[in-house]
C-alpha cells in the first residue's frame, strides 16, 4: 500500500490504529524507514498489527510519500507471550521460577535501600516420603498447596518462587518493614506449612525449614550469593532439627528464630 501524506484516509480499513501510527507516518515522510506494532480492533476482534513504512524516495529520489506493509501478528505475539511466560514460570505451581527470581533479586539489589528487605529459602521437611508413600501425583498436589499457602502469607509486592523440587524462595521488598515484621511473615509461613494437607482420603503432615537473610546484607553481595547464604541458613535449620527458622547474619553470626 502506498501513501502520500499522513491522512487517516490511507488507513481507513484499520481505523482503530490511525491515531496510533500517525507519529510513524510523520517519520517516514521525513525519510526514515519505520517499523511498529499497534493494537487495533478488526471486525470486533482485538488484534496486533505489525507495520513497515518505507519512503518511496528509496526507489525514486524524486518521489514523495511512502509504502506501507501491514501484517496481523496476533497469533505470533500470543505464542511469544506464552513462551516467555513458560521460560520464567514453573509449570506445576504457576509461580515464578528460579531464573525469574534471580532476575527480580538482582533488580532489588540494584535498588539499594528500597529493594531487598529479606530473602527466605524454604525446604519442605520429609517431602520425599510423600512421593514414596503416596505417589508423585499426590506429591505434586502437595507442592501446589504449598505454593498457595506461602503466597497467602506475603504482601502484594513480594515475590514467591519455586526454586526446584520441594524448595521455594521468597523475596520481601521495600524499606517500610522492620525486622520484627519480617520475622512475623517467616513465622506465618512456618505455621501454615505445619498444618495438615488433605489430598483425597489422605491427610499429610509436613513441616518446613526456613533460612532467612535480612536487609543490610545485600549491599556487597550478588543475587546468587544472597540466595546461597539463605540456602546455607536453611541447611542449618535442617541440621538443628528442622521445622524452624534460621536467620543468616554476616560475620558468621547465626541466630535461630523459634517457630
Protein backbone atom coordinates (compact mmCIF):
# COMPACT_ATOMS: atom_id res chain seq x y z
CA UNK A 1 0.00 0.00 0.00
CA UNK A 2 1.34 3.45 -0.89
CA UNK A 3 0.55 6.78 0.77
CA UNK A 4 1.38 10.37 0.04
CA UNK A 5 0.68 12.16 3.30
CA UNK A 6 -0.32 11.41 6.91
CA UNK A 7 -4.00 11.13 6.06
CA UNK A 8 -6.33 8.87 8.04
CA UNK A 9 -7.95 8.04 4.73
CA UNK A 10 -4.91 5.97 3.84
CA UNK A 11 -5.72 3.65 6.75
CA UNK A 12 -9.50 3.50 6.72
CA UNK A 13 -9.53 -0.32 6.87
CA UNK A 14 -7.76 -0.13 10.26
CA UNK A 15 -9.49 2.83 11.78
CA UNK A 16 -8.58 1.79 15.31
CA UNK A 17 -4.88 2.21 14.59
CA UNK A 18 -4.92 5.53 12.68
CA UNK A 19 -4.02 7.80 15.58
CA UNK A 20 -1.50 5.30 16.91
CA UNK A 21 0.58 5.27 13.71
CA UNK A 22 0.37 8.99 12.96
CA UNK A 23 3.83 9.67 14.53
CA UNK A 24 5.35 6.87 12.42
CA UNK A 25 3.85 8.35 9.24
CA UNK A 26 5.42 11.68 10.10
CA UNK A 27 8.79 9.99 10.49
CA UNK A 28 8.59 8.08 7.18
CA UNK A 29 7.65 11.28 5.35
CA UNK A 30 10.87 12.80 6.65
CA UNK A 31 12.80 9.98 5.00
CA UNK A 32 13.08 7.36 7.76
CA UNK A 33 12.20 3.65 7.43
CA UNK A 34 9.91 2.78 10.35
CA UNK A 35 8.66 -0.47 11.91
CA UNK A 36 5.92 -0.54 14.55
CA UNK A 37 3.32 -2.66 16.32
CA UNK A 38 -0.09 -1.41 17.40
CA UNK A 39 -3.28 -2.87 18.77
CA UNK A 40 -6.43 -2.48 16.69
CA UNK A 41 -10.00 -3.75 16.64
CA UNK A 42 -10.84 -5.57 13.40
CA UNK A 43 -14.34 -6.95 12.87
CA UNK A 44 -14.94 -6.74 16.60
CA UNK A 45 -11.75 -8.65 17.49
CA UNK A 46 -8.69 -7.18 19.19
CA UNK A 47 -5.64 -7.77 17.03
CA UNK A 48 -1.94 -6.91 16.99
CA UNK A 49 -0.71 -5.37 13.75
CA UNK A 50 2.90 -5.02 12.67
CA UNK A 51 3.65 -2.39 10.05
CA UNK A 52 6.64 -1.35 7.98
CA UNK A 53 6.76 2.14 6.46
CA UNK A 54 9.31 2.79 3.71
CA UNK A 55 9.86 6.16 1.97
CA UNK A 56 9.15 5.99 -1.77
CA UNK A 57 12.31 8.02 -2.38
CA UNK A 58 14.31 4.84 -1.57
CA UNK A 59 13.42 3.66 -5.09
CA UNK A 60 12.86 7.05 -6.72
CA UNK A 61 14.62 10.08 -5.21
CA UNK A 62 12.06 12.38 -6.79
CA UNK A 63 9.03 10.54 -5.38
CA UNK A 64 7.04 11.66 -2.37
CA UNK A 65 5.01 9.51 0.00
CA UNK A 66 5.67 6.03 1.37
CA UNK A 67 4.99 2.32 1.09
CA UNK A 68 3.13 0.54 3.89
CA UNK A 69 3.16 -3.19 4.60
CA UNK A 70 0.92 -4.47 7.40
CA UNK A 71 0.84 -7.96 8.92
CA UNK A 72 -1.55 -9.38 11.51
CA UNK A 73 0.84 -10.85 14.11
CA UNK A 74 -1.72 -11.56 16.83
CA UNK A 75 -1.12 -15.31 16.97
CA UNK A 76 2.66 -14.93 16.82
CA UNK A 77 2.59 -12.36 19.62
CA UNK A 78 0.39 -14.62 21.76
CA UNK A 79 2.78 -17.53 21.16
CA UNK A 80 5.79 -15.44 22.16
CA UNK A 81 3.97 -14.31 25.30
CA UNK A 82 3.25 -17.95 26.21
CA UNK A 83 6.85 -18.98 25.59
CA UNK A 84 8.10 -16.04 27.63
CA UNK A 85 5.77 -16.99 30.48
CA UNK A 86 6.93 -20.62 30.34
CA UNK A 87 10.57 -19.52 30.41
CA UNK A 88 10.06 -17.60 33.65
CA UNK A 89 7.40 -19.66 35.46
CA UNK A 90 7.07 -23.10 36.99
CA UNK A 91 4.63 -25.26 35.02
CA UNK A 92 3.26 -27.10 38.08
CA UNK A 93 2.60 -24.30 40.57
CA UNK A 94 2.40 -21.31 38.24
CA UNK A 95 4.92 -19.48 40.41
CA UNK A 96 7.93 -17.64 39.01
CA UNK A 97 10.89 -19.99 38.61
CA UNK A 98 14.50 -19.72 39.76
CA UNK A 99 15.52 -17.70 36.72
CA UNK A 100 12.72 -15.19 37.28
CA UNK A 101 13.51 -14.96 40.98
CA UNK A 102 17.18 -14.21 40.38
CA UNK A 103 16.35 -11.50 37.85
CA UNK A 104 13.98 -9.83 40.29
CA UNK A 105 16.52 -10.24 43.10
CA UNK A 106 19.25 -8.55 41.06
CA UNK A 107 16.87 -5.66 40.31
CA UNK A 108 16.01 -5.35 44.02
CA UNK A 109 19.72 -5.35 44.96
CA UNK A 110 20.37 -2.59 42.43
CA UNK A 111 17.57 -0.53 44.01
CA UNK A 112 19.54 -0.23 47.26
CA UNK A 113 17.57 0.50 50.42
CA UNK A 114 14.26 0.36 48.59
CA UNK A 115 15.00 -3.13 47.28
CA UNK A 116 15.77 -6.22 49.33
CA UNK A 117 14.17 -6.38 52.78
CA UNK A 118 14.67 -10.12 53.25
CA UNK A 119 15.17 -13.37 51.36
CA UNK A 120 13.80 -16.71 52.50
CA UNK A 121 14.84 -20.14 51.32
CA UNK A 122 12.20 -22.73 52.24
CA UNK A 123 12.51 -26.50 52.05
CA UNK A 124 9.77 -28.96 53.00
CA UNK A 125 10.75 -31.49 55.66
CA UNK A 126 10.02 -35.09 54.75
CA UNK A 127 8.65 -34.44 51.28
CA UNK A 128 10.47 -37.39 49.69
CA UNK A 129 8.41 -39.74 51.86
CA UNK A 130 5.22 -38.25 50.39
CA UNK A 131 6.29 -39.21 46.86
CA UNK A 132 7.48 -42.63 48.03
CA UNK A 133 4.31 -43.39 50.02
CA UNK A 134 1.51 -41.73 48.06
CA UNK A 135 2.98 -41.30 44.58
CA UNK A 136 4.16 -38.33 42.54
CA UNK A 137 0.69 -37.09 41.66
CA UNK A 138 -0.06 -36.65 45.34
CA UNK A 139 3.34 -35.04 45.80
CA UNK A 140 2.56 -32.58 43.03
CA UNK A 141 -0.70 -31.60 44.73
CA UNK A 142 1.18 -31.02 47.96
CA UNK A 143 3.59 -28.70 46.13
CA UNK A 144 0.71 -26.75 44.59
CA UNK A 145 -0.90 -26.33 48.01
CA UNK A 146 2.46 -25.32 49.48
CA UNK A 147 2.78 -22.60 46.83
CA UNK A 148 -0.73 -21.31 47.69
CA UNK A 149 -0.03 -21.23 51.43
CA UNK A 150 3.26 -19.38 51.12
CA UNK A 151 1.73 -16.86 48.70
CA UNK A 152 -1.07 -16.08 51.17
CA UNK A 153 1.49 -15.13 53.84
CA UNK A 154 3.34 -12.42 51.91
CA UNK A 155 2.43 -8.90 50.82
CA UNK A 156 1.31 -7.84 47.37
CA UNK A 157 4.69 -6.56 46.20
CA UNK A 158 6.67 -9.58 47.44
CA UNK A 159 7.77 -12.47 45.25
CA UNK A 160 7.29 -16.19 45.87
CA UNK A 161 9.07 -18.59 43.51
CA UNK A 162 9.59 -22.32 43.16
CA UNK A 163 13.34 -22.87 43.21
CA UNK A 164 13.44 -26.60 42.48
CA UNK A 165 11.75 -29.75 43.73
CA UNK A 166 10.30 -29.00 47.17
CA UNK A 167 12.31 -25.78 47.57
CA UNK A 168 10.72 -22.34 47.45
CA UNK A 169 12.17 -18.86 47.72
CA UNK A 170 10.63 -15.59 48.88
CA UNK A 171 11.81 -12.05 48.20
CA UNK A 172 10.42 -9.41 50.57
CA UNK A 173 10.97 -5.88 49.29
CA UNK A 174 10.69 -2.24 50.30
CA UNK A 175 12.05 -0.03 53.07
CA UNK A 176 8.90 0.27 55.19
CA UNK A 177 9.16 -3.03 57.05
CA UNK A 178 11.26 -3.77 60.14
CA UNK A 179 12.95 -6.95 61.31
CA UNK A 180 10.14 -7.92 63.65
CA UNK A 181 7.60 -7.70 60.82
CA UNK A 182 9.85 -9.76 58.54
CA UNK A 183 10.19 -12.45 61.18
CA UNK A 184 6.41 -12.47 61.68
CA UNK A 185 5.98 -13.26 57.98
CA UNK A 186 8.52 -16.08 58.27
CA UNK A 187 6.72 -17.49 61.31
CA UNK A 188 3.39 -17.30 59.48
CA UNK A 189 4.88 -19.36 56.64
CA UNK A 190 6.37 -21.83 59.11
CA UNK A 191 2.99 -22.21 60.82
CA UNK A 192 0.88 -22.61 57.68
CA UNK A 193 3.26 -25.24 56.28
CA UNK A 194 2.96 -27.23 59.51
CA UNK A 195 -0.79 -27.62 59.04
CA UNK A 196 -2.03 -30.94 57.58
CA UNK A 197 -2.65 -31.18 53.83
CA UNK A 198 -5.64 -33.26 52.77
CA UNK A 199 -5.30 -34.93 49.36
CA UNK A 200 -8.32 -37.09 48.66
CA UNK A 201 -8.56 -39.55 51.52
CA UNK A 202 -5.00 -38.90 52.67
CA UNK A 203 -4.00 -36.45 55.38
CA UNK A 204 -0.35 -35.49 55.04
CA UNK A 205 1.61 -33.84 57.82
CA UNK A 206 4.72 -31.90 56.87
CA UNK A 207 6.84 -29.07 58.18
CA UNK A 208 9.40 -26.72 56.68
CA UNK A 209 12.90 -25.46 57.35
CA UNK A 210 13.48 -21.80 56.52
CA UNK A 211 16.72 -19.92 56.00
CA UNK A 212 16.40 -16.15 56.12
CA UNK A 213 18.67 -13.31 55.06
CA UNK A 214 17.78 -9.82 56.29
CA UNK A 215 18.11 -6.30 54.90
CA UNK A 216 21.52 -4.70 55.10
CA UNK A 217 23.40 -7.78 53.91
CA UNK A 218 22.72 -7.18 50.21
CA UNK A 219 24.99 -4.23 49.55
CA UNK A 220 28.19 -6.13 48.80
CA UNK A 221 26.77 -9.43 47.52
CA UNK A 222 25.29 -10.57 44.20
CA UNK A 223 21.83 -12.07 43.96
CA UNK A 224 23.34 -15.55 43.57
CA UNK A 225 25.47 -15.03 46.68
CA UNK A 226 22.49 -13.82 48.69
CA UNK A 227 20.48 -16.85 47.65
CA UNK A 228 23.35 -19.18 48.60
CA UNK A 229 23.53 -17.52 52.02
CA UNK A 230 19.80 -18.05 52.58
CA UNK A 231 20.18 -21.65 51.39
CA UNK A 232 23.01 -22.19 53.86
CA UNK A 233 20.84 -20.84 56.67
CA UNK A 234 18.07 -23.24 55.62
CA UNK A 235 20.54 -26.12 55.80
CA UNK A 236 21.47 -25.08 59.34
CA UNK A 237 17.77 -25.16 60.21
CA UNK A 238 17.67 -28.76 58.95
CA UNK A 239 20.72 -29.72 60.98
CA UNK A 240 19.28 -28.05 64.09
CA UNK A 241 16.19 -30.27 63.97
CA UNK A 242 14.01 -28.99 61.11
CA UNK A 243 10.67 -27.15 61.43
CA UNK A 244 12.39 -23.88 62.31
CA UNK A 245 13.80 -20.60 61.00
CA UNK A 246 17.48 -19.74 60.99
CA UNK A 247 18.47 -16.16 60.22
CA UNK A 248 21.80 -15.76 58.47
CA UNK A 249 23.93 -12.93 59.78
CA UNK A 250 27.17 -11.57 58.37
CA UNK A 251 30.45 -12.09 60.22
CA UNK A 252 29.42 -15.71 60.86
CA UNK A 253 26.76 -14.75 63.39
CA UNK A 254 23.97 -17.32 63.41
CA UNK A 255 20.71 -16.61 65.18
CA UNK A 256 17.86 -19.11 65.34
CA UNK A 257 14.34 -17.77 65.43
CA UNK A 258 11.96 -20.14 67.23
CA UNK A 259 8.79 -21.03 65.38
